[in-house]
């Protein structure tokens, strides 16, 4: 177990203030560790930035929520050493810590909490994906963790409440069926001026990170990310677990070869929200290649969850300097980093 991860297990307590309403107020101090998020005295509702001109009471409340969100995001960053677990005990511990965060923040609800849930879920999906590839004989352990009563992000009440809170949008059929069909997700995106393909396009260079999603109140991209999280878990990883369970081997020859066994089971794991009727060969093949490429190397936090600043652009305008790269070089660098950022449906960076 890494020292960096052990530091995240420090026990802390949060002072929680109430104003007589059901919604919990932001804690007196931002969380110092992910343990504080899931084991404090009650995690607060964290919404989205209020529009300009909002009442002072609303902006004051937002200041508290924003400080709590920033503290929680910083705690998640500190918890992520980038070092991937090498044994089942460490895998269960690290994934369990991130899933505790998912449960705590989705229970309290709000746009900001769903951004935190997406962040924590993406981190533990990378751990599970990598472990499944590098330790294929232990596929049953990964499958057991995936089946351990995890929160379904598209279907949890926090997501439906957020859609109403931020978009004032009710499900057209009486209840949301976000994990069952593509129409509901498209309905939400269309109602907010976007569509699924447009959100996919936004991942091609520098996918927005959690801080950027929060600051921009980017409901569309958050919904897209929640769908991709679920696709990775319920379709791609589930299919890969079935492949290993059936005796599939990560080579290219014989009756147990990757292609032969995979083609038998891929259509058993469709995911309607993203339009998958059968898991594409490219998704699982890429997952394997990426895990092998990163084996033994720390994966940066921003490559998993997105970047909150375009790394090719300076924070302030700067004069031309000697040795400045050409536009072609900038584009080449951008494309290289895009392949490392978890862009598109896959979560494990190139």
Protein backbone atom coordinates (compact mmCIF):
# COMPACT_ATOMS: atom_id res chain seq x y z
CA UNK A 1 0.00 0.00 0.00
CA UNK A 2 1.46 3.41 -0.91
CA UNK A 3 2.23 6.06 1.70
CA UNK A 4 0.31 8.58 -0.36
CA UNK A 5 -2.84 6.52 -0.08
CA UNK A 6 -2.37 5.76 3.62
CA UNK A 7 -2.37 9.50 4.30
CA UNK A 8 -5.92 9.69 2.96
CA UNK A 9 -7.18 7.43 5.77
CA UNK A 10 -6.61 10.05 8.49
CA UNK A 11 -9.74 10.28 10.55
CA UNK A 12 -11.32 13.71 10.76
CA UNK A 13 -14.64 15.17 11.78
CA UNK A 14 -16.68 17.93 10.17
CA UNK A 15 -18.70 20.50 12.03
CA UNK A 16 -22.05 20.80 10.31
CA UNK A 17 -24.33 23.82 10.64
CA UNK A 18 -28.07 23.74 10.01
CA UNK A 19 -30.59 26.50 9.42
CA UNK A 20 -33.70 24.52 10.32
CA UNK A 21 -34.17 23.24 6.78
CA UNK A 22 -33.81 19.63 5.64
CA UNK A 23 -30.84 20.39 3.39
CA UNK A 24 -27.56 20.15 5.29
CA UNK A 25 -25.39 23.23 5.30
CA UNK A 26 -21.74 23.23 4.30
CA UNK A 27 -19.29 22.16 7.00
CA UNK A 28 -17.40 24.75 9.00
CA UNK A 29 -14.12 23.51 7.51
CA UNK A 30 -13.43 21.96 4.10
CA UNK A 31 -12.60 18.24 4.23
CA UNK A 32 -8.95 17.40 4.66
CA UNK A 33 -9.22 13.82 3.41
CA UNK A 34 -11.68 11.64 1.55
CA UNK A 35 -12.43 10.00 4.89
CA UNK A 36 -13.88 13.33 6.03
CA UNK A 37 -16.30 13.28 3.08
CA UNK A 38 -17.76 9.87 3.79
CA UNK A 39 -17.42 9.65 7.58
CA UNK A 40 -18.10 13.19 8.74
CA UNK A 41 -21.16 14.34 10.64
CA UNK A 42 -23.30 14.68 7.54
CA UNK A 43 -22.20 15.72 4.08
CA UNK A 44 -24.01 18.83 2.73
CA UNK A 45 -25.95 19.43 -0.44
CA UNK A 46 -23.72 21.15 -3.02
CA UNK A 47 -25.53 22.76 -5.92
CA UNK A 48 -24.30 24.83 -8.87
CA UNK A 49 -23.06 28.42 -9.09
CA UNK A 50 -26.02 30.83 -8.86
CA UNK A 51 -26.72 33.24 -11.73
CA UNK A 52 -25.56 36.83 -11.47
CA UNK A 53 -27.89 39.03 -9.50
CA UNK A 54 -28.99 36.27 -7.14
CA UNK A 55 -30.09 37.20 -3.64
CA UNK A 56 -27.36 37.65 -1.05
CA UNK A 57 -28.59 34.68 0.96
CA UNK A 58 -28.14 32.48 -2.10
CA UNK A 59 -24.68 33.80 -2.93
CA UNK A 60 -23.60 33.44 0.70
CA UNK A 61 -24.79 29.86 0.71
CA UNK A 62 -22.97 29.26 -2.56
CA UNK A 63 -19.72 30.60 -1.09
CA UNK A 64 -19.93 27.91 1.58
CA UNK A 65 -20.84 25.20 -0.92
CA UNK A 66 -18.03 26.24 -3.26
CA UNK A 67 -15.46 26.09 -0.45
CA UNK A 68 -16.67 22.61 0.48
CA UNK A 69 -16.59 21.45 -3.14
CA UNK A 70 -13.05 22.79 -3.63
CA UNK A 71 -11.91 21.12 -0.42
CA UNK A 72 -13.43 17.82 -1.48
CA UNK A 73 -11.87 17.97 -4.93
CA UNK A 74 -8.49 18.76 -3.39
CA UNK A 75 -8.91 15.80 -1.03
CA UNK A 76 -9.59 13.51 -4.01
CA UNK A 77 -6.48 14.85 -5.73
CA UNK A 78 -4.36 14.21 -2.64
CA UNK A 79 -5.74 10.68 -2.37
CA UNK A 80 -4.63 9.86 -5.92
CA UNK A 81 -0.95 8.95 -5.96
CA UNK A 82 -1.23 7.59 -9.49
CA UNK A 83 0.30 4.32 -8.28
CA UNK A 84 -1.92 1.39 -9.16
CA UNK A 85 -2.63 -1.46 -6.69
CA UNK A 86 -0.63 -4.65 -7.05
CA UNK A 87 -2.73 -6.93 -4.83
CA UNK A 88 -6.40 -7.56 -4.16
CA UNK A 89 -6.36 -6.14 -0.63
CA UNK A 90 -5.07 -2.77 -1.80
CA UNK A 91 -7.53 -2.78 -4.70
CA UNK A 92 -10.51 -3.36 -2.41
CA UNK A 93 -9.32 -0.72 0.03
CA UNK A 94 -8.72 2.00 -2.54
CA UNK A 95 -11.89 1.32 -4.54
CA UNK A 96 -13.87 1.13 -1.31
CA UNK A 97 -12.65 4.56 -0.23
CA UNK A 98 -13.72 6.12 -3.52
CA UNK A 99 -17.08 4.35 -3.45
CA UNK A 100 -17.69 5.63 0.08
CA UNK A 101 -17.33 9.12 -1.39
CA UNK A 102 -19.79 8.27 -4.18
CA UNK A 103 -22.39 7.07 -1.67
CA UNK A 104 -21.98 10.07 0.63
CA UNK A 105 -22.20 12.78 -2.02
CA UNK A 106 -25.05 11.22 -4.01
CA UNK A 107 -27.04 10.81 -0.78
CA UNK A 108 -26.85 14.59 -0.23
CA UNK A 109 -27.43 15.50 -3.86
CA UNK A 110 -26.88 18.60 -5.95
CA UNK A 111 -24.94 19.39 -9.12
CA UNK A 112 -21.62 19.82 -7.34
CA UNK A 113 -21.96 16.55 -5.48
CA UNK A 114 -22.63 14.70 -8.74
CA UNK A 115 -19.43 16.20 -10.17
CA UNK A 116 -17.59 14.81 -7.14
CA UNK A 117 -19.31 11.43 -7.57
CA UNK A 118 -18.25 11.27 -11.22
CA UNK A 119 -14.67 12.13 -10.24
CA UNK A 120 -14.46 9.44 -7.55
CA UNK A 121 -16.09 6.84 -9.81
CA UNK A 122 -13.69 7.51 -12.68
CA UNK A 123 -10.72 7.07 -10.34
CA UNK A 124 -11.87 3.69 -9.09
CA UNK A 125 -12.83 2.48 -12.57
CA UNK A 126 -9.25 3.06 -13.69
CA UNK A 127 -8.02 1.01 -10.72
CA UNK A 128 -10.40 -1.84 -11.57
CA UNK A 129 -9.66 -1.74 -15.30
CA UNK A 130 -5.93 -1.84 -14.79
CA UNK A 131 -6.07 -4.61 -12.20
CA UNK A 132 -8.29 -6.79 -14.38
CA UNK A 133 -5.82 -6.56 -17.27
CA UNK A 134 -2.65 -7.03 -15.25
CA UNK A 135 -4.06 -9.79 -13.02
CA UNK A 136 -6.50 -11.67 -15.29
CA UNK A 137 -6.53 -14.78 -13.10
CA UNK A 138 -8.12 -12.64 -10.35
CA UNK A 139 -11.06 -11.56 -12.49
CA UNK A 140 -13.53 -12.90 -9.92
CA UNK A 141 -12.26 -10.36 -7.39
CA UNK A 142 -12.84 -7.48 -9.80
CA UNK A 143 -16.27 -8.84 -10.70
CA UNK A 144 -17.15 -9.11 -7.01
CA UNK A 145 -16.22 -5.48 -6.42
CA UNK A 146 -18.25 -4.36 -9.45
CA UNK A 147 -21.27 -6.24 -8.10
CA UNK A 148 -20.99 -4.89 -4.55
CA UNK A 149 -24.07 -2.63 -4.43
CA UNK A 150 -22.45 0.28 -6.23
CA UNK A 151 -24.49 3.43 -6.79
CA UNK A 152 -25.91 3.59 -10.32
CA UNK A 153 -25.08 7.18 -11.23
CA UNK A 154 -27.61 7.57 -14.03
CA UNK A 155 -30.44 6.06 -11.99
CA UNK A 156 -29.81 7.49 -8.52
CA UNK A 157 -32.29 10.02 -7.16
CA UNK A 158 -29.55 12.67 -7.00
CA UNK A 159 -29.37 12.74 -10.81
CA UNK A 160 -33.12 13.13 -11.30
CA UNK A 161 -33.24 15.83 -8.62
CA UNK A 162 -30.31 17.66 -10.23
CA UNK A 163 -32.03 17.67 -13.64
CA UNK A 164 -35.10 19.27 -12.08
CA UNK A 165 -33.06 21.68 -9.96
CA UNK A 166 -30.80 22.92 -12.75
CA UNK A 167 -32.94 22.52 -15.88
CA UNK A 168 -36.48 22.45 -14.44
CA UNK A 169 -36.99 19.39 -16.59
CA UNK A 170 -39.36 16.54 -15.79
CA UNK A 171 -39.14 13.09 -17.39
CA UNK A 172 -41.41 12.88 -20.45
CA UNK A 173 -42.65 9.38 -19.53
CA UNK A 174 -43.25 9.91 -15.82
CA UNK A 175 -39.83 8.72 -14.66
CA UNK A 176 -36.33 8.88 -16.02
CA UNK A 177 -35.08 5.77 -17.78
CA UNK A 178 -31.57 7.04 -18.33
CA UNK A 179 -29.88 3.66 -18.05
CA UNK A 180 -32.49 1.88 -20.16
CA UNK A 181 -32.78 3.97 -23.31
CA UNK A 182 -30.99 6.63 -25.31
CA UNK A 183 -34.02 8.89 -25.77
CA UNK A 184 -34.06 10.26 -22.23
CA UNK A 185 -30.41 11.32 -22.34
CA UNK A 186 -30.88 12.89 -25.77
CA UNK A 187 -34.03 14.64 -24.51
CA UNK A 188 -32.06 16.26 -21.68
CA UNK A 189 -29.19 17.32 -23.94
CA UNK A 190 -31.51 18.66 -26.65
CA UNK A 191 -33.49 20.61 -24.06
CA UNK A 192 -30.27 22.28 -22.99
CA UNK A 193 -29.00 23.06 -26.50
CA UNK A 194 -26.74 20.09 -27.16
CA UNK A 195 -26.72 16.44 -28.23
CA UNK A 196 -24.66 13.34 -27.52
CA UNK A 197 -22.34 13.69 -30.51
CA UNK A 198 -21.55 17.30 -29.64
CA UNK A 199 -20.53 16.27 -26.13
CA UNK A 200 -18.34 13.48 -27.54
CA UNK A 201 -16.59 16.06 -29.73
CA UNK A 202 -15.67 18.06 -26.63
CA UNK A 203 -13.49 15.18 -25.42
CA UNK A 204 -11.22 15.18 -28.46
CA UNK A 205 -8.57 17.57 -27.16
CA UNK A 206 -8.91 18.65 -23.54
CA UNK A 207 -11.95 17.17 -21.78
CA UNK A 208 -13.18 19.57 -19.07
CA UNK A 209 -12.14 18.56 -15.58
CA UNK A 210 -14.37 18.66 -12.50
CA UNK A 211 -13.46 22.23 -11.57
CA UNK A 212 -14.27 23.46 -15.07
CA UNK A 213 -17.55 21.52 -15.17
CA UNK A 214 -18.54 23.03 -11.83
CA UNK A 215 -17.54 26.60 -12.64
CA UNK A 216 -19.40 26.49 -15.95
CA UNK A 217 -22.47 24.75 -14.51
CA UNK A 218 -21.95 22.33 -17.38
CA UNK A 219 -24.95 20.02 -16.97
CA UNK A 220 -24.58 18.64 -20.50
CA UNK A 221 -21.03 17.41 -20.12
CA UNK A 222 -21.73 16.04 -16.66
CA UNK A 223 -24.62 13.98 -18.03
CA UNK A 224 -22.38 12.71 -20.83
CA UNK A 225 -19.69 11.70 -18.33
CA UNK A 226 -22.16 9.91 -16.08
CA UNK A 227 -23.33 7.90 -19.11
CA UNK A 228 -19.74 7.03 -20.06
CA UNK A 229 -18.95 5.98 -16.48
CA UNK A 230 -21.90 3.60 -16.55
CA UNK A 231 -21.02 2.28 -20.01
CA UNK A 232 -17.47 1.51 -18.91
CA UNK A 233 -18.68 -0.35 -15.83
CA UNK A 234 -21.84 -2.10 -17.02
CA UNK A 235 -20.84 -2.85 -20.60
CA UNK A 236 -17.11 -2.76 -21.32
CA UNK A 237 -15.74 -4.02 -17.99
CA UNK A 238 -18.62 -6.46 -17.52
CA UNK A 239 -17.96 -7.95 -20.95
CA UNK A 240 -14.25 -8.21 -20.19
CA UNK A 241 -15.01 -10.03 -16.91
CA UNK A 242 -17.22 -12.49 -18.78
CA UNK A 243 -14.47 -13.03 -21.33
CA UNK A 244 -11.99 -13.92 -18.57
CA UNK A 245 -14.54 -16.05 -16.74
CA UNK A 246 -15.09 -18.11 -19.90
CA UNK A 247 -11.40 -18.87 -20.17
CA UNK A 248 -10.44 -16.17 -22.64
CA UNK A 249 -6.74 -15.50 -22.97
CA UNK A 250 -5.06 -12.23 -23.84
CA UNK A 251 -3.37 -13.48 -26.98
CA UNK A 252 -4.28 -13.68 -30.64
CA UNK A 253 -4.34 -17.40 -31.41
CA UNK A 254 -6.31 -20.53 -30.57
CA UNK A 255 -9.86 -21.30 -29.51
CA UNK A 256 -9.45 -19.23 -26.35
CA UNK A 257 -8.00 -16.22 -28.11
CA UNK A 258 -9.24 -12.76 -27.32
CA UNK A 259 -11.08 -12.33 -30.61
CA UNK A 260 -12.69 -15.77 -30.63
CA UNK A 261 -14.11 -15.71 -27.09
CA UNK A 262 -14.93 -12.01 -27.11
CA UNK A 263 -17.05 -12.26 -30.26
CA UNK A 264 -19.22 -14.90 -28.58
CA UNK A 265 -20.22 -12.71 -25.62
CA UNK A 266 -19.94 -9.09 -26.73
CA UNK A 267 -23.65 -8.72 -27.62
CA UNK A 268 -24.71 -9.77 -24.12
CA UNK A 269 -23.62 -6.41 -22.71
CA UNK A 270 -25.41 -3.62 -24.63
CA UNK A 271 -25.70 -0.11 -23.21
CA UNK A 272 -28.57 1.80 -24.75
CA UNK A 273 -27.80 5.33 -23.43
CA UNK A 274 -24.60 5.52 -25.49
CA UNK A 275 -25.95 3.49 -28.40
CA UNK A 276 -23.96 0.30 -27.81
CA UNK A 277 -25.75 -2.84 -28.99
CA UNK A 278 -22.65 -4.98 -28.53
CA UNK A 279 -19.35 -4.04 -26.94
CA UNK A 280 -17.02 -2.88 -29.72
CA UNK A 281 -13.79 -4.85 -30.01
CA UNK A 282 -11.89 -1.57 -29.98
CA UNK A 283 -13.09 -0.65 -26.47
CA UNK A 284 -11.77 -3.71 -24.69
CA UNK A 285 -8.70 -3.97 -26.90
CA UNK A 286 -7.82 -0.35 -26.05
CA UNK A 287 -8.40 -1.01 -22.35
CA UNK A 288 -5.88 -3.85 -22.46
CA UNK A 289 -3.30 -1.86 -24.40
CA UNK A 290 -3.55 1.14 -22.13
CA UNK A 291 -3.26 -0.87 -18.94
CA UNK A 292 -0.11 -2.53 -20.23
CA UNK A 293 1.34 0.77 -21.33
CA UNK A 294 0.81 2.36 -17.91
CA UNK A 295 1.94 -0.65 -15.88
CA UNK A 296 4.46 0.52 -13.30
CA UNK A 297 3.94 4.19 -14.17
CA UNK A 298 1.93 6.68 -12.11
CA UNK A 299 -1.17 8.00 -13.89
CA UNK A 300 -1.71 11.74 -13.35
CA UNK A 301 -5.02 12.78 -11.79
CA UNK A 302 -5.89 15.09 -14.68
CA UNK A 303 -5.45 12.30 -17.23
CA UNK A 304 -8.22 10.36 -15.50
CA UNK A 305 -10.75 13.08 -14.69
CA UNK A 306 -9.96 15.77 -17.28
CA UNK A 307 -8.03 19.00 -17.09
CA UNK A 308 -9.17 22.25 -15.53
CA UNK A 309 -6.81 24.26 -17.70
CA UNK A 310 -5.71 23.81 -21.29
CA UNK A 311 -2.04 22.91 -20.76
CA UNK A 312 -1.04 24.40 -24.11
CA UNK A 313 -2.32 27.85 -23.23
CA UNK A 314 -0.62 30.25 -20.77
CA UNK A 315 -2.68 31.64 -17.92
CA UNK A 316 -2.00 35.18 -19.15
CA UNK A 317 -1.13 36.50 -22.63
CA UNK A 318 2.61 36.36 -23.15
CA UNK A 319 4.87 37.80 -25.86
CA UNK A 320 6.36 35.51 -28.47
CA UNK A 321 9.48 33.81 -27.22
CA UNK A 322 12.39 32.27 -29.01
CA UNK A 323 11.89 28.62 -29.76
CA UNK A 324 8.09 28.94 -29.82
CA UNK A 325 6.46 25.86 -31.29
CA UNK A 326 4.66 25.97 -34.59
CA UNK A 327 0.91 25.52 -34.97
CA UNK A 328 1.53 22.03 -36.33
CA UNK A 329 3.56 21.13 -33.26
CA UNK A 330 0.86 22.50 -30.97
CA UNK A 331 -1.77 20.40 -32.73
CA UNK A 332 0.40 17.30 -32.56
CA UNK A 333 0.94 17.84 -28.83
CA UNK A 334 -2.77 18.40 -28.31
CA UNK A 335 -3.67 15.18 -30.07
CA UNK A 336 -1.09 13.26 -28.07
CA UNK A 337 -2.43 14.63 -24.79
CA UNK A 338 -6.00 13.95 -25.87
CA UNK A 339 -5.16 10.29 -26.22
CA UNK A 340 -3.81 10.37 -22.65
CA UNK A 341 -6.73 12.22 -21.09
CA UNK A 342 -9.37 9.56 -21.10
CA UNK A 343 -11.13 11.30 -24.00
CA UNK A 344 -14.15 9.57 -25.42
CA UNK A 345 -15.77 6.50 -23.94
CA UNK A 346 -12.64 4.92 -22.49
CA UNK A 347 -11.47 5.94 -19.03
CA UNK A 348 -7.99 4.47 -18.94
CA UNK A 349 -5.66 7.01 -20.59
CA UNK A 350 -3.32 6.12 -23.40
